[in-house]
Amino acid sequence: MQESIIFVAATVLMFLSTVLISKKLIPILKSRKMGQKILEIGPRWHKGKEGTPTMGGIAFIAPAAIIGIAGCVWIALTDGIRASLPLVFTLFYGLAGGLIGMIDDSAKLRKKQNEGLTAPQKFLCQVLAAGLYLFGMAMVRRAEGLPPMTEIYIPFVGVTVDFGLFFYLIALLLLVGVMNSVNLTDGIDGLCSSVTLIVGVFFAASAYFTGSAEPELSPLLLGAALIGGCAGFLVYNFYPARVFMGDTGSLFLGGLIVGGAFMTGNPLLVIVYGFWYILETASVMLQVGYFKLTHGKRLFKMAPIHHHFEQLGWSEVKIVVVASAVTAVLSAVSLIFGLR
């Protein structure tokens, strides 16, 4: 019961804080001319969005950091410092993603274009953050006398496989890949916020599916941060958006989502409940590969795939509803069949 009360309180605090900070932040971003630039190669109908304030992710990062740190302290006091470390490192990875995104957004605004850090620069920073995250999590397991991190649970099959050193390659691909996939999802009003809100519900619900008498607090707090933060941000980000989260917000959310998958001991399951994120990245990779193989032909009308649906005549709201519904169904499937 105590854990559930903490979850509800944290969610409400996240929601109210995000709404209030957003309300104060938007005029500040406007006054400093921190508006979104739209690429010439992007959808022409998005030109009307140019100038909409970006870097709005600060509105949910700040309260998430405070509530997350408070939660880590509570877990440390009640269950010991080691019990709090997985949430500490997951919060660190999310904040590292947010910092990378903030540097990238700032560079875009300074250059007055839609490209900030170069792809190699961003990738190197993300790999470094992912490496530090894995190192920290490995040290926790070693200190607790648990088996090495090289073992991965295969959801829906119910077996655990030791990948040896190959595990670290898989882990880095997941950590960096999912973070960037969440970033790609942030392409139309309310899409990333809505999908991530549902993923937050998955994390919170998974805390009750562990078989223990009491739910685990770490996934509950992670769920509270995602649900409350995204719901509060949607007040201003849903169509027509008055603010965008920018890479600052999307890379932070991506870090929490994939970090949470490792924290809960089921990293591969993120491919299922996070299917929409993966679909966004897969559509870009397929588009580029098909374009090169066919010397100029396109598999989709435009990539990432949410722009393809826009080209088909779907409204932004319809795309958000469909993406959210798909995520909700796959999250339910993950809860019922994919957990340990």
C-alpha atoms as a PDB file:
ATOM      1  CA  MET A   1       0.000   0.000   0.000  1.00  0.00           C
ATOM      2  CA  GLN A   2       2.821   2.390   0.902  1.00  0.00           C
ATOM      3  CA  GLU A   3       4.465   1.946  -2.507  1.00  0.00           C
ATOM      4  CA  SER A   4       1.166   2.620  -4.283  1.00  0.00           C
ATOM      5  CA  ILE A   5       0.651   5.844  -2.333  1.00  0.00           C
ATOM      6  CA  ILE A   6       4.171   6.987  -3.250  1.00  0.00           C
ATOM      7  CA  PHE A   7       3.458   6.182  -6.905  1.00  0.00           C
ATOM      8  CA  VAL A   8       0.224   8.200  -6.984  1.00  0.00           C
ATOM      9  CA  ALA A   9       1.829  11.131  -5.162  1.00  0.00           C
ATOM     10  CA  ALA A  10       4.866  11.113  -7.484  1.00  0.00           C
ATOM     11  CA  THR A  11       2.663  10.954 -10.598  1.00  0.00           C
ATOM     12  CA  VAL A  12       0.480  13.856  -9.472  1.00  0.00           C
ATOM     13  CA  LEU A  13       3.524  15.930  -8.509  1.00  0.00           C
ATOM     14  CA  MET A  14       5.158  15.212 -11.883  1.00  0.00           C
ATOM     15  CA  PHE A  15       2.004  16.220 -13.739  1.00  0.00           C
ATOM     16  CA  LEU A  16       1.412  19.462 -11.839  1.00  0.00           C
ATOM     17  CA  SER A  17       5.098  20.448 -11.898  1.00  0.00           C
ATOM     18  CA  THR A  18       5.385  19.829 -15.640  1.00  0.00           C
ATOM     19  CA  VAL A  19       2.247  21.857 -16.390  1.00  0.00           C
ATOM     20  CA  LEU A  20       3.358  24.775 -14.206  1.00  0.00           C
ATOM     21  CA  ILE A  21       6.944  24.798 -15.474  1.00  0.00           C
ATOM     22  CA  SER A  22       5.757  24.565 -19.092  1.00  0.00           C
ATOM     23  CA  LYS A  23       3.438  27.518 -18.564  1.00  0.00           C
ATOM     24  CA  LYS A  24       6.348  29.625 -17.291  1.00  0.00           C
ATOM     25  CA  LEU A  25       8.923  28.193 -19.705  1.00  0.00           C
ATOM     26  CA  ILE A  26       7.116  28.761 -23.029  1.00  0.00           C
ATOM     27  CA  PRO A  27       7.162  32.596 -22.830  1.00  0.00           C
ATOM     28  CA  ILE A  28      10.844  32.488 -21.840  1.00  0.00           C
ATOM     29  CA  LEU A  29      11.723  30.281 -24.819  1.00  0.00           C
ATOM     30  CA  LYS A  30       9.740  32.583 -27.122  1.00  0.00           C
ATOM     31  CA  SER A  31      11.418  35.720 -25.800  1.00  0.00           C
ATOM     32  CA  ARG A  32      14.833  34.180 -26.425  1.00  0.00           C
ATOM     33  CA  LYS A  33      13.766  33.140 -29.935  1.00  0.00           C
ATOM     34  CA  MET A  34      14.406  29.458 -29.174  1.00  0.00           C
ATOM     35  CA  GLY A  35      12.094  28.263 -31.938  1.00  0.00           C
ATOM     36  CA  GLN A  36      12.120  25.092 -34.019  1.00  0.00           C
ATOM     37  CA  LYS A  37      13.693  25.214 -37.477  1.00  0.00           C
ATOM     38  CA  ILE A  38      12.057  23.100 -40.203  1.00  0.00           C
ATOM     39  CA  LEU A  39      14.221  21.364 -42.790  1.00  0.00           C
ATOM     40  CA  GLU A  40      13.575  22.237 -46.437  1.00  0.00           C
ATOM     41  CA  ILE A  41      13.405  18.492 -47.175  1.00  0.00           C
ATOM     42  CA  GLY A  42      10.775  18.023 -44.470  1.00  0.00           C
ATOM     43  CA  PRO A  43       7.005  17.999 -45.024  1.00  0.00           C
ATOM     44  CA  ARG A  44       5.993  21.349 -46.522  1.00  0.00           C
ATOM     45  CA  TRP A  45       2.887  21.490 -44.320  1.00  0.00           C
ATOM     46  CA  HIS A  46       5.169  21.571 -41.262  1.00  0.00           C
ATOM     47  CA  LYS A  47       6.473  25.000 -42.255  1.00  0.00           C
ATOM     48  CA  GLY A  48       3.699  26.515 -40.163  1.00  0.00           C
ATOM     49  CA  LYS A  49       5.336  24.963 -37.089  1.00  0.00           C
ATOM     50  CA  GLU A  50       8.570  26.883 -37.608  1.00  0.00           C
ATOM     51  CA  GLY A  51       9.286  29.143 -34.669  1.00  0.00           C
ATOM     52  CA  THR A  52       7.379  26.990 -32.144  1.00  0.00           C
ATOM     53  CA  PRO A  53       9.480  26.966 -28.943  1.00  0.00           C
ATOM     54  CA  THR A  54      11.686  23.913 -28.525  1.00  0.00           C
ATOM     55  CA  MET A  55      13.746  22.471 -25.634  1.00  0.00           C
ATOM     56  CA  GLY A  56      10.463  22.196 -23.723  1.00  0.00           C
ATOM     57  CA  GLY A  57      11.638  18.858 -22.321  1.00  0.00           C
ATOM     58  CA  ILE A  58      13.247  20.873 -19.534  1.00  0.00           C
ATOM     59  CA  ALA A  59       9.734  21.145 -18.089  1.00  0.00           C
ATOM     60  CA  PHE A  60       9.581  17.445 -17.202  1.00  0.00           C
ATOM     61  CA  ILE A  61      13.305  16.749 -16.774  1.00  0.00           C
ATOM     62  CA  ALA A  62      13.631  19.068 -13.780  1.00  0.00           C
ATOM     63  CA  PRO A  63      10.816  17.526 -11.672  1.00  0.00           C
ATOM     64  CA  ALA A  64      11.762  14.010 -12.792  1.00  0.00           C
ATOM     65  CA  ALA A  65      15.295  14.565 -11.514  1.00  0.00           C
ATOM     66  CA  ILE A  66      14.071  15.875  -8.152  1.00  0.00           C
ATOM     67  CA  ILE A  67      11.462  13.147  -7.658  1.00  0.00           C
ATOM     68  CA  GLY A  68      13.881  10.488  -8.921  1.00  0.00           C
ATOM     69  CA  ILE A  69      16.607  11.544  -6.498  1.00  0.00           C
ATOM     70  CA  ALA A  70      14.109  11.669  -3.633  1.00  0.00           C
ATOM     71  CA  GLY A  71      12.936   8.168  -4.573  1.00  0.00           C
ATOM     72  CA  CYS A  72      16.511   6.864  -4.651  1.00  0.00           C
ATOM     73  CA  VAL A  73      17.127   8.296  -1.172  1.00  0.00           C
ATOM     74  CA  TRP A  74      13.916   6.676   0.118  1.00  0.00           C
ATOM     75  CA  ILE A  75      14.899   3.274  -1.292  1.00  0.00           C
ATOM     76  CA  ALA A  76      18.409   3.634   0.147  1.00  0.00           C
ATOM     77  CA  LEU A  77      17.021   4.407   3.608  1.00  0.00           C
ATOM     78  CA  THR A  78      14.456   1.595   3.580  1.00  0.00           C
ATOM     79  CA  ASP A  79      16.195  -1.176   1.627  1.00  0.00           C
ATOM     80  CA  GLY A  80      19.849  -0.182   1.577  1.00  0.00           C
ATOM     81  CA  ILE A  81      22.047   1.812  -0.772  1.00  0.00           C
ATOM     82  CA  ARG A  82      22.632  -1.103  -3.168  1.00  0.00           C
ATOM     83  CA  ALA A  83      18.896  -1.484  -3.742  1.00  0.00           C
ATOM     84  CA  SER A  84      18.702   2.126  -4.913  1.00  0.00           C
ATOM     85  CA  LEU A  85      21.634   1.985  -7.352  1.00  0.00           C
ATOM     86  CA  PRO A  86      19.784   0.518 -10.408  1.00  0.00           C
ATOM     87  CA  LEU A  87      17.346   3.446 -10.284  1.00  0.00           C
ATOM     88  CA  VAL A  88      20.252   5.854  -9.688  1.00  0.00           C
ATOM     89  CA  PHE A  89      22.057   4.636 -12.817  1.00  0.00           C
ATOM     90  CA  THR A  90      18.856   4.629 -14.894  1.00  0.00           C
ATOM     91  CA  LEU A  91      18.165   8.217 -13.862  1.00  0.00           C
ATOM     92  CA  PHE A  92      21.783   9.060 -14.717  1.00  0.00           C
ATOM     93  CA  TYR A  93      21.415   7.568 -18.198  1.00  0.00           C
ATOM     94  CA  GLY A  94      18.231   9.539 -18.820  1.00  0.00           C
ATOM     95  CA  LEU A  95      19.858  12.770 -17.628  1.00  0.00           C
ATOM     96  CA  ALA A  96      22.925  12.052 -19.764  1.00  0.00           C
ATOM     97  CA  GLY A  97      20.640  11.727 -22.783  1.00  0.00           C
ATOM     98  CA  GLY A  98      18.917  14.978 -21.839  1.00  0.00           C
ATOM     99  CA  LEU A  99      22.282  16.756 -21.559  1.00  0.00           C
ATOM    100  CA  ILE A 100      23.368  15.483 -24.990  1.00  0.00           C
ATOM    101  CA  GLY A 101      20.024  16.645 -26.393  1.00  0.00           C
ATOM    102  CA  MET A 102      20.366  20.053 -24.743  1.00  0.00           C
ATOM    103  CA  ILE A 103      23.823  20.552 -26.273  1.00  0.00           C
ATOM    104  CA  ASP A 104      22.430  19.477 -29.651  1.00  0.00           C
ATOM    105  CA  ASP A 105      19.384  21.769 -29.412  1.00  0.00           C
ATOM    106  CA  SER A 106      21.548  24.690 -28.314  1.00  0.00           C
ATOM    107  CA  ALA A 107      23.867  24.138 -31.283  1.00  0.00           C
ATOM    108  CA  LYS A 108      20.874  24.105 -33.663  1.00  0.00           C
ATOM    109  CA  LEU A 109      19.582  27.374 -32.265  1.00  0.00           C
ATOM    110  CA  ARG A 110      23.022  28.963 -32.341  1.00  0.00           C
ATOM    111  CA  LYS A 111      23.558  27.926 -35.973  1.00  0.00           C
ATOM    112  CA  LYS A 112      19.924  28.783 -36.824  1.00  0.00           C
ATOM    113  CA  GLN A 113      19.420  25.454 -38.584  1.00  0.00           C
ATOM    114  CA  ASN A 114      17.934  22.025 -37.830  1.00  0.00           C
ATOM    115  CA  GLU A 115      21.298  20.300 -37.406  1.00  0.00           C
ATOM    116  CA  GLY A 116      23.347  20.687 -34.222  1.00  0.00           C
ATOM    117  CA  LEU A 117      25.912  18.113 -33.181  1.00  0.00           C
ATOM    118  CA  THR A 118      27.273  15.958 -35.990  1.00  0.00           C
ATOM    119  CA  ALA A 119      26.113  12.336 -36.083  1.00  0.00           C
ATOM    120  CA  PRO A 120      29.543  11.018 -34.959  1.00  0.00           C
ATOM    121  CA  GLN A 121      29.675  13.511 -32.078  1.00  0.00           C
ATOM    122  CA  LYS A 122      26.213  12.572 -30.834  1.00  0.00           C
ATOM    123  CA  PHE A 123      26.881   8.847 -31.253  1.00  0.00           C
ATOM    124  CA  LEU A 124      30.177   9.036 -29.347  1.00  0.00           C
ATOM    125  CA  CYS A 125      28.529  10.854 -26.443  1.00  0.00           C
ATOM    126  CA  GLN A 126      25.701   8.299 -26.339  1.00  0.00           C
ATOM    127  CA  VAL A 127      28.082   5.325 -26.434  1.00  0.00           C
ATOM    128  CA  LEU A 128      30.100   6.843 -23.589  1.00  0.00           C
ATOM    129  CA  ALA A 129      26.960   7.353 -21.486  1.00  0.00           C
ATOM    130  CA  ALA A 130      25.763   3.814 -22.276  1.00  0.00           C
ATOM    131  CA  GLY A 131      29.169   2.374 -21.365  1.00  0.00           C
ATOM    132  CA  LEU A 132      29.158   4.144 -18.004  1.00  0.00           C
ATOM    133  CA  TYR A 133      25.620   2.918 -17.378  1.00  0.00           C
ATOM    134  CA  LEU A 134      26.571  -0.700 -18.094  1.00  0.00           C
ATOM    135  CA  PHE A 135      29.691  -0.424 -15.942  1.00  0.00           C
ATOM    136  CA  GLY A 136      27.659   0.874 -13.012  1.00  0.00           C
ATOM    137  CA  MET A 137      25.008  -1.829 -13.330  1.00  0.00           C
ATOM    138  CA  ALA A 138      27.689  -4.534 -13.606  1.00  0.00           C
ATOM    139  CA  MET A 139      29.358  -3.290 -10.415  1.00  0.00           C
ATOM    140  CA  VAL A 140      26.027  -3.465  -8.579  1.00  0.00           C
ATOM    141  CA  ARG A 141      25.544  -7.100  -9.569  1.00  0.00           C
ATOM    142  CA  ARG A 142      29.102  -7.935  -8.606  1.00  0.00           C
ATOM    143  CA  ALA A 143      28.715  -6.283  -5.197  1.00  0.00           C
ATOM    144  CA  GLU A 144      25.526  -8.276  -4.565  1.00  0.00           C
ATOM    145  CA  GLY A 145      27.134 -11.557  -5.617  1.00  0.00           C
ATOM    146  CA  LEU A 146      24.690 -12.010  -8.502  1.00  0.00           C
ATOM    147  CA  PRO A 147      25.473 -13.727 -11.829  1.00  0.00           C
ATOM    148  CA  PRO A 148      27.222 -11.518 -14.414  1.00  0.00           C
ATOM    149  CA  MET A 149      25.153  -9.199 -16.604  1.00  0.00           C
ATOM    150  CA  THR A 150      26.012 -11.265 -19.659  1.00  0.00           C
ATOM    151  CA  GLU A 151      22.872 -13.338 -19.118  1.00  0.00           C
ATOM    152  CA  ILE A 152      19.764 -12.132 -20.989  1.00  0.00           C
ATOM    153  CA  TYR A 153      16.233 -13.338 -20.388  1.00  0.00           C
ATOM    154  CA  ILE A 154      14.408 -14.172 -23.636  1.00  0.00           C
ATOM    155  CA  PRO A 155      10.786 -13.027 -23.206  1.00  0.00           C
ATOM    156  CA  PHE A 156       7.891 -15.218 -24.381  1.00  0.00           C
ATOM    157  CA  VAL A 157      10.298 -18.177 -24.561  1.00  0.00           C
ATOM    158  CA  GLY A 158      11.087 -18.221 -20.877  1.00  0.00           C
ATOM    159  CA  VAL A 159      14.781 -19.074 -21.104  1.00  0.00           C
ATOM    160  CA  THR A 160      17.949 -17.231 -20.087  1.00  0.00           C
ATOM    161  CA  VAL A 161      20.970 -17.225 -22.385  1.00  0.00           C
ATOM    162  CA  ASP A 162      24.524 -16.265 -21.424  1.00  0.00           C
ATOM    163  CA  PHE A 163      25.920 -14.267 -24.363  1.00  0.00           C
ATOM    164  CA  GLY A 164      29.322 -13.767 -22.796  1.00  0.00           C
ATOM    165  CA  LEU A 165      31.208 -10.701 -24.014  1.00  0.00           C
ATOM    166  CA  PHE A 166      28.795 -10.458 -26.962  1.00  0.00           C
ATOM    167  CA  PHE A 167      26.255  -9.221 -24.399  1.00  0.00           C
ATOM    168  CA  TYR A 168      27.941  -5.821 -24.222  1.00  0.00           C
ATOM    169  CA  LEU A 169      27.570  -5.311 -27.964  1.00  0.00           C
ATOM    170  CA  ILE A 170      23.874  -6.207 -27.760  1.00  0.00           C
ATOM    171  CA  ALA A 171      23.450  -3.941 -24.737  1.00  0.00           C
ATOM    172  CA  LEU A 172      25.136  -0.964 -26.405  1.00  0.00           C
ATOM    173  CA  LEU A 173      23.022  -1.415 -29.535  1.00  0.00           C
ATOM    174  CA  LEU A 174      19.856  -1.468 -27.437  1.00  0.00           C
ATOM    175  CA  LEU A 175      20.822   1.447 -25.195  1.00  0.00           C
ATOM    176  CA  VAL A 176      21.916   3.759 -27.998  1.00  0.00           C
ATOM    177  CA  GLY A 177      19.424   2.449 -30.570  1.00  0.00           C
ATOM    178  CA  VAL A 178      16.302   2.833 -28.441  1.00  0.00           C
ATOM    179  CA  MET A 179      17.381   6.266 -27.208  1.00  0.00           C
ATOM    180  CA  ASN A 180      17.668   7.456 -30.811  1.00  0.00           C
ATOM    181  CA  SER A 181      14.443   5.690 -31.794  1.00  0.00           C
ATOM    182  CA  VAL A 182      12.512   7.657 -29.181  1.00  0.00           C
ATOM    183  CA  ASN A 183      14.147  10.786 -30.587  1.00  0.00           C
ATOM    184  CA  LEU A 184      12.925   9.937 -34.113  1.00  0.00           C
ATOM    185  CA  THR A 185       9.394   9.426 -32.790  1.00  0.00           C
ATOM    186  CA  ASP A 186       9.264  13.066 -31.749  1.00  0.00           C
ATOM    187  CA  GLY A 187       8.267  14.276 -35.210  1.00  0.00           C
ATOM    188  CA  ILE A 188       4.640  15.371 -34.944  1.00  0.00           C
ATOM    189  CA  ASP A 189       2.573  17.024 -32.226  1.00  0.00           C
ATOM    190  CA  GLY A 190       2.027  14.809 -29.198  1.00  0.00           C
ATOM    191  CA  LEU A 191       3.345  11.564 -30.732  1.00  0.00           C
ATOM    192  CA  CYS A 192       6.366  10.883 -28.544  1.00  0.00           C
ATOM    193  CA  SER A 193       4.606  12.161 -25.410  1.00  0.00           C
ATOM    194  CA  SER A 194       1.532   9.961 -25.965  1.00  0.00           C
ATOM    195  CA  VAL A 195       3.409   6.759 -26.800  1.00  0.00           C
ATOM    196  CA  THR A 196       5.811   7.271 -23.892  1.00  0.00           C
ATOM    197  CA  LEU A 197       2.962   7.907 -21.457  1.00  0.00           C
ATOM    198  CA  ILE A 198       1.635   4.423 -22.261  1.00  0.00           C
ATOM    199  CA  VAL A 199       5.096   2.908 -21.871  1.00  0.00           C
ATOM    200  CA  GLY A 200       5.148   4.573 -18.450  1.00  0.00           C
ATOM    201  CA  VAL A 201       1.912   2.780 -17.598  1.00  0.00           C
ATOM    202  CA  PHE A 202       3.625  -0.467 -18.617  1.00  0.00           C
ATOM    203  CA  PHE A 203       6.521   0.138 -16.213  1.00  0.00           C
ATOM    204  CA  ALA A 204       4.180   1.003 -13.350  1.00  0.00           C
ATOM    205  CA  ALA A 205       1.968  -2.028 -13.999  1.00  0.00           C
ATOM    206  CA  SER A 206       4.989  -4.344 -14.280  1.00  0.00           C
ATOM    207  CA  ALA A 207       5.839  -3.522 -10.666  1.00  0.00           C
ATOM    208  CA  TYR A 208       2.704  -5.428  -9.635  1.00  0.00           C
ATOM    209  CA  PHE A 209       3.505  -8.466 -11.811  1.00  0.00           C
ATOM    210  CA  THR A 210       6.679  -9.547 -10.014  1.00  0.00           C
ATOM    211  CA  GLY A 211       5.003 -12.155  -7.847  1.00  0.00           C
ATOM    212  CA  SER A 212       5.995 -10.299  -4.663  1.00  0.00           C
ATOM    213  CA  ALA A 213       3.508  -9.288  -1.998  1.00  0.00           C
ATOM    214  CA  GLU A 214       4.436  -5.628  -2.481  1.00  0.00           C
ATOM    215  CA  PRO A 215       5.160  -3.899  -5.804  1.00  0.00           C
ATOM    216  CA  GLU A 216       8.735  -2.831  -6.559  1.00  0.00           C
ATOM    217  CA  LEU A 217       9.254   0.875  -5.993  1.00  0.00           C
ATOM    218  CA  SER A 218      11.885   1.503  -8.700  1.00  0.00           C
ATOM    219  CA  PRO A 219       9.651   0.712 -11.721  1.00  0.00           C
ATOM    220  CA  LEU A 220       6.771   2.504  -9.989  1.00  0.00           C
ATOM    221  CA  LEU A 221       8.832   5.681  -9.709  1.00  0.00           C
ATOM    222  CA  LEU A 222      10.010   5.319 -13.298  1.00  0.00           C
ATOM    223  CA  GLY A 223       6.399   4.911 -14.393  1.00  0.00           C
ATOM    224  CA  ALA A 224       5.368   7.945 -12.341  1.00  0.00           C
ATOM    225  CA  ALA A 225       8.041  10.098 -14.008  1.00  0.00           C
ATOM    226  CA  LEU A 226       6.978   9.011 -17.504  1.00  0.00           C
ATOM    227  CA  ILE A 227       3.207   9.146 -16.922  1.00  0.00           C
ATOM    228  CA  GLY A 228       3.084  12.409 -14.990  1.00  0.00           C
ATOM    229  CA  GLY A 229       5.728  14.147 -17.095  1.00  0.00           C
ATOM    230  CA  CYS A 230       4.269  13.168 -20.466  1.00  0.00           C
ATOM    231  CA  ALA A 231       0.666  13.848 -19.414  1.00  0.00           C
ATOM    232  CA  GLY A 232       1.657  17.291 -18.139  1.00  0.00           C
ATOM    233  CA  PHE A 233       3.643  18.053 -21.275  1.00  0.00           C
ATOM    234  CA  LEU A 234       0.757  16.978 -23.517  1.00  0.00           C
ATOM    235  CA  VAL A 235      -1.276  19.880 -22.135  1.00  0.00           C
ATOM    236  CA  TYR A 236       0.933  22.097 -24.319  1.00  0.00           C
ATOM    237  CA  ASN A 237       2.332  19.561 -26.806  1.00  0.00           C
ATOM    238  CA  PHE A 238      -0.851  17.956 -28.138  1.00  0.00           C
ATOM    239  CA  TYR A 239      -2.025  19.179 -31.560  1.00  0.00           C
ATOM    240  CA  PRO A 240      -1.685  22.055 -32.229  1.00  0.00           C
ATOM    241  CA  ALA A 241       1.520  22.065 -30.192  1.00  0.00           C
ATOM    242  CA  ARG A 242       2.556  25.232 -28.379  1.00  0.00           C
ATOM    243  CA  VAL A 243       5.953  23.766 -27.466  1.00  0.00           C
ATOM    244  CA  PHE A 244       8.218  20.920 -28.595  1.00  0.00           C
ATOM    245  CA  MET A 245      10.346  18.811 -26.259  1.00  0.00           C
ATOM    246  CA  GLY A 246      13.341  18.911 -28.606  1.00  0.00           C
ATOM    247  CA  ASP A 247      16.206  16.441 -28.440  1.00  0.00           C
ATOM    248  CA  THR A 248      16.551  17.616 -24.834  1.00  0.00           C
ATOM    249  CA  GLY A 249      13.305  15.891 -23.900  1.00  0.00           C
ATOM    250  CA  SER A 250      13.210  12.961 -26.332  1.00  0.00           C
ATOM    251  CA  LEU A 251      16.746  11.725 -25.550  1.00  0.00           C
ATOM    252  CA  PHE A 252      15.986  12.003 -21.827  1.00  0.00           C
ATOM    253  CA  LEU A 253      12.827   9.925 -22.243  1.00  0.00           C
ATOM    254  CA  GLY A 254      14.679   7.438 -24.441  1.00  0.00           C
ATOM    255  CA  GLY A 255      17.343   7.004 -21.766  1.00  0.00           C
ATOM    256  CA  LEU A 256      14.751   6.326 -19.069  1.00  0.00           C
ATOM    257  CA  ILE A 257      12.824   3.862 -21.226  1.00  0.00           C
ATOM    258  CA  VAL A 258      15.732   1.670 -22.302  1.00  0.00           C
ATOM    259  CA  GLY A 259      17.514   2.107 -18.972  1.00  0.00           C
ATOM    260  CA  GLY A 260      14.339   0.950 -17.262  1.00  0.00           C
ATOM    261  CA  ALA A 261      14.308  -2.168 -19.452  1.00  0.00           C
ATOM    262  CA  PHE A 262      17.742  -3.124 -18.122  1.00  0.00           C
ATOM    263  CA  MET A 263      16.853  -2.054 -14.580  1.00  0.00           C
ATOM    264  CA  THR A 264      13.900  -4.455 -14.507  1.00  0.00           C
ATOM    265  CA  GLY A 265      16.039  -7.301 -15.901  1.00  0.00           C
ATOM    266  CA  ASN A 266      14.175  -7.698 -19.187  1.00  0.00           C
ATOM    267  CA  PRO A 267      16.018  -5.579 -21.790  1.00  0.00           C
ATOM    268  CA  LEU A 268      14.791  -7.400 -24.913  1.00  0.00           C
ATOM    269  CA  LEU A 269      11.147  -6.774 -24.016  1.00  0.00           C
ATOM    270  CA  VAL A 270      11.611  -3.088 -24.897  1.00  0.00           C
ATOM    271  CA  ILE A 271      11.468  -4.178 -28.541  1.00  0.00           C
ATOM    272  CA  VAL A 272       7.859  -5.263 -27.968  1.00  0.00           C
ATOM    273  CA  TYR A 273       6.285  -2.545 -25.799  1.00  0.00           C
ATOM    274  CA  GLY A 274       8.540  -0.004 -27.531  1.00  0.00           C
ATOM    275  CA  PHE A 275       7.631  -1.336 -30.993  1.00  0.00           C
ATOM    276  CA  TRP A 276       6.513   2.052 -32.311  1.00  0.00           C
ATOM    277  CA  TYR A 277       9.911   3.559 -31.518  1.00  0.00           C
ATOM    278  CA  ILE A 278      11.640   0.678 -33.306  1.00  0.00           C
ATOM    279  CA  LEU A 279       9.276   1.051 -36.270  1.00  0.00           C
ATOM    280  CA  GLU A 280      10.297   4.692 -36.673  1.00  0.00           C
ATOM    281  CA  THR A 281      13.989   3.763 -36.896  1.00  0.00           C
ATOM    282  CA  ALA A 282      13.364   0.702 -39.075  1.00  0.00           C
ATOM    283  CA  SER A 283      11.418   2.830 -41.570  1.00  0.00           C
ATOM    284  CA  VAL A 284      14.375   5.205 -41.942  1.00  0.00           C
ATOM    285  CA  MET A 285      16.863   2.346 -42.382  1.00  0.00           C
ATOM    286  CA  LEU A 286      14.634   0.592 -44.916  1.00  0.00           C
ATOM    287  CA  GLN A 287      14.049   3.829 -46.808  1.00  0.00           C
ATOM    288  CA  VAL A 288      17.771   4.574 -47.082  1.00  0.00           C
ATOM    289  CA  GLY A 289      18.673   0.991 -47.989  1.00  0.00           C
ATOM    290  CA  TYR A 290      15.937   0.674 -50.619  1.00  0.00           C
ATOM    291  CA  PHE A 291      16.856   4.076 -52.081  1.00  0.00           C
ATOM    292  CA  LYS A 292      20.468   2.993 -52.556  1.00  0.00           C
ATOM    293  CA  LEU A 293      19.646  -0.470 -53.899  1.00  0.00           C
ATOM    294  CA  THR A 294      17.127   0.813 -56.450  1.00  0.00           C
ATOM    295  CA  HIS A 295      19.118   3.944 -57.368  1.00  0.00           C
ATOM    296  CA  GLY A 296      16.536   6.486 -56.318  1.00  0.00           C
ATOM    297  CA  LYS A 297      13.250   4.680 -55.664  1.00  0.00           C
ATOM    298  CA  ARG A 298      11.480   5.043 -52.317  1.00  0.00           C
ATOM    299  CA  LEU A 299       9.851   2.356 -50.208  1.00  0.00           C
ATOM    300  CA  PHE A 300       7.808   4.885 -48.202  1.00  0.00           C
ATOM    301  CA  LYS A 301       6.437   8.223 -49.334  1.00  0.00           C
ATOM    302  CA  MET A 302       8.562   9.786 -46.590  1.00  0.00           C
ATOM    303  CA  ALA A 303      10.466   8.572 -43.524  1.00  0.00           C
ATOM    304  CA  PRO A 304      10.257   8.292 -40.546  1.00  0.00           C
ATOM    305  CA  ILE A 305       7.023   6.430 -40.960  1.00  0.00           C
ATOM    306  CA  HIS A 306       4.780   9.018 -39.262  1.00  0.00           C
ATOM    307  CA  HIS A 307       5.501  11.296 -42.245  1.00  0.00           C
ATOM    308  CA  HIS A 308       4.509   8.438 -44.575  1.00  0.00           C
ATOM    309  CA  PHE A 309       1.112   8.309 -42.870  1.00  0.00           C
ATOM    310  CA  GLU A 310       0.826  12.088 -43.162  1.00  0.00           C
ATOM    311  CA  GLN A 311       1.471  11.771 -46.910  1.00  0.00           C
ATOM    312  CA  LEU A 312      -1.367   9.239 -47.062  1.00  0.00           C
ATOM    313  CA  GLY A 313      -3.686  11.900 -45.690  1.00  0.00           C
ATOM    314  CA  TRP A 314      -3.784  10.910 -42.026  1.00  0.00           C
ATOM    315  CA  SER A 315      -4.127  13.772 -39.567  1.00  0.00           C
ATOM    316  CA  GLU A 316      -1.541  14.160 -36.815  1.00  0.00           C
ATOM    317  CA  VAL A 317      -4.179  13.290 -34.229  1.00  0.00           C
ATOM    318  CA  LYS A 318      -5.062  10.048 -36.066  1.00  0.00           C
ATOM    319  CA  ILE A 319      -1.411   9.008 -36.205  1.00  0.00           C
ATOM    320  CA  VAL A 320      -1.027   9.671 -32.478  1.00  0.00           C
ATOM    321  CA  VAL A 321      -4.172   7.673 -31.658  1.00  0.00           C
ATOM    322  CA  VAL A 322      -3.084   4.693 -33.801  1.00  0.00           C
ATOM    323  CA  ALA A 323       0.471   4.715 -32.421  1.00  0.00           C
ATOM    324  CA  SER A 324      -0.855   4.918 -28.862  1.00  0.00           C
ATOM    325  CA  ALA A 325      -3.314   2.071 -29.474  1.00  0.00           C
ATOM    326  CA  VAL A 326      -0.584  -0.155 -30.939  1.00  0.00           C
ATOM    327  CA  THR A 327       1.657   0.618 -27.960  1.00  0.00           C
ATOM    328  CA  ALA A 328      -1.151  -0.101 -25.499  1.00  0.00           C
ATOM    329  CA  VAL A 329      -1.901  -3.502 -27.060  1.00  0.00           C
ATOM    330  CA  LEU A 330       1.770  -4.534 -27.178  1.00  0.00           C
ATOM    331  CA  SER A 331       2.320  -3.294 -23.633  1.00  0.00           C
ATOM    332  CA  ALA A 332      -0.575  -5.492 -22.477  1.00  0.00           C
ATOM    333  CA  VAL A 333       0.912  -8.460 -24.348  1.00  0.00           C
ATOM    334  CA  SER A 334       4.282  -7.757 -22.706  1.00  0.00           C
ATOM    335  CA  LEU A 335       2.713  -7.635 -19.268  1.00  0.00           C
ATOM    336  CA  ILE A 336       0.761 -10.845 -19.650  1.00  0.00           C
ATOM    337  CA  PHE A 337       3.236 -12.988 -21.569  1.00  0.00           C
ATOM    338  CA  GLY A 338       6.645 -11.293 -21.586  1.00  0.00           C
ATOM    339  CA  LEU A 339       7.649 -10.773 -17.950  1.00  0.00           C
ATOM    340  CA  ARG A 340       9.755 -13.250 -16.011  1.00  0.00           C
END
